[in-house]
Amino acid sequence: PKMTAEEFLRSRPLSRAYFRSPNSFFIYRQQFVKQLKLENYNDQMVKVSKWAGIFWSN
């Protein structure tokens, strides 16, 4: 799924919104998890993170 800057900032707590932004992989992983949930994949986050890393590398 696509994410706008406004959506991203809204999803962060105000206490963290003004610190450094997360790196691009963390943003990618967040959207990767969101897409898996839309497709009803419910697996351990350890596995999901590994999958995100594999797809990120390609």
Protein backbone atom coordinates (compact mmCIF):
# COMPACT_ATOMS: atom_id res chain seq x y z
CA PRO A 1 0.00 0.00 0.00
CA LYS A 2 1.07 3.55 -0.63
CA MET A 3 1.69 5.91 2.26
CA THR A 4 1.75 9.68 2.25
CA ALA A 5 3.95 11.79 4.51
CA GLU A 6 0.86 12.93 6.41
CA GLU A 7 -0.21 9.34 7.11
CA PHE A 8 3.27 8.50 8.30
CA LEU A 9 3.48 11.45 10.67
CA ARG A 10 0.00 10.74 12.05
CA SER A 11 1.03 7.17 12.86
CA ARG A 12 3.91 8.34 15.07
CA PRO A 13 3.40 9.49 18.65
CA LEU A 14 3.86 13.25 19.06
CA SER A 15 6.80 12.69 21.37
CA ARG A 16 8.66 10.98 18.51
CA ALA A 17 7.33 13.00 15.58
CA TYR A 18 9.97 15.70 15.96
CA PHE A 19 13.03 13.46 16.27
CA ARG A 20 14.98 11.87 13.45
CA SER A 21 12.85 10.16 10.89
CA PRO A 22 13.25 6.38 10.62
CA ASN A 23 15.35 4.99 7.83
CA SER A 24 13.72 3.91 4.60
CA PHE A 25 13.76 0.20 5.47
CA PHE A 26 11.63 0.80 8.57
CA ILE A 27 9.09 2.69 6.49
CA TYR A 28 9.16 -0.12 3.90
CA ARG A 29 8.72 -2.76 6.61
CA GLN A 30 5.79 -0.88 8.13
CA GLN A 31 4.01 -0.88 4.75
CA PHE A 32 5.01 -4.51 4.14
CA VAL A 33 3.32 -5.54 7.41
CA LYS A 34 0.26 -3.45 6.54
CA GLN A 35 -0.04 -5.22 3.18
CA LEU A 36 0.29 -8.65 4.77
CA LYS A 37 -2.48 -7.80 7.23
CA LEU A 38 -4.72 -6.70 4.35
CA GLU A 39 -4.13 -10.12 2.78
CA ASN A 40 -4.89 -11.87 6.11
CA TYR A 41 -1.35 -13.16 6.68
CA ASN A 42 -0.79 -13.44 10.40
CA ASP A 43 2.66 -14.75 11.20
CA GLN A 44 5.41 -14.08 13.71
CA MET A 45 7.08 -10.68 13.33
CA VAL A 46 10.47 -12.39 13.21
CA LYS A 47 9.43 -14.17 10.01
CA VAL A 48 7.76 -11.07 8.61
CA SER A 49 10.93 -9.03 9.20
CA LYS A 50 12.99 -11.67 7.41
CA TRP A 51 10.58 -11.63 4.45
CA ALA A 52 10.68 -7.83 4.34
CA GLY A 53 14.48 -7.97 4.28
CA ILE A 54 14.44 -10.45 1.40
CA PHE A 55 12.01 -8.36 -0.65
CA TRP A 56 13.92 -5.17 0.23
CA SER A 57 17.13 -6.69 -1.17
CA ASN A 58 15.51 -7.49 -4.52
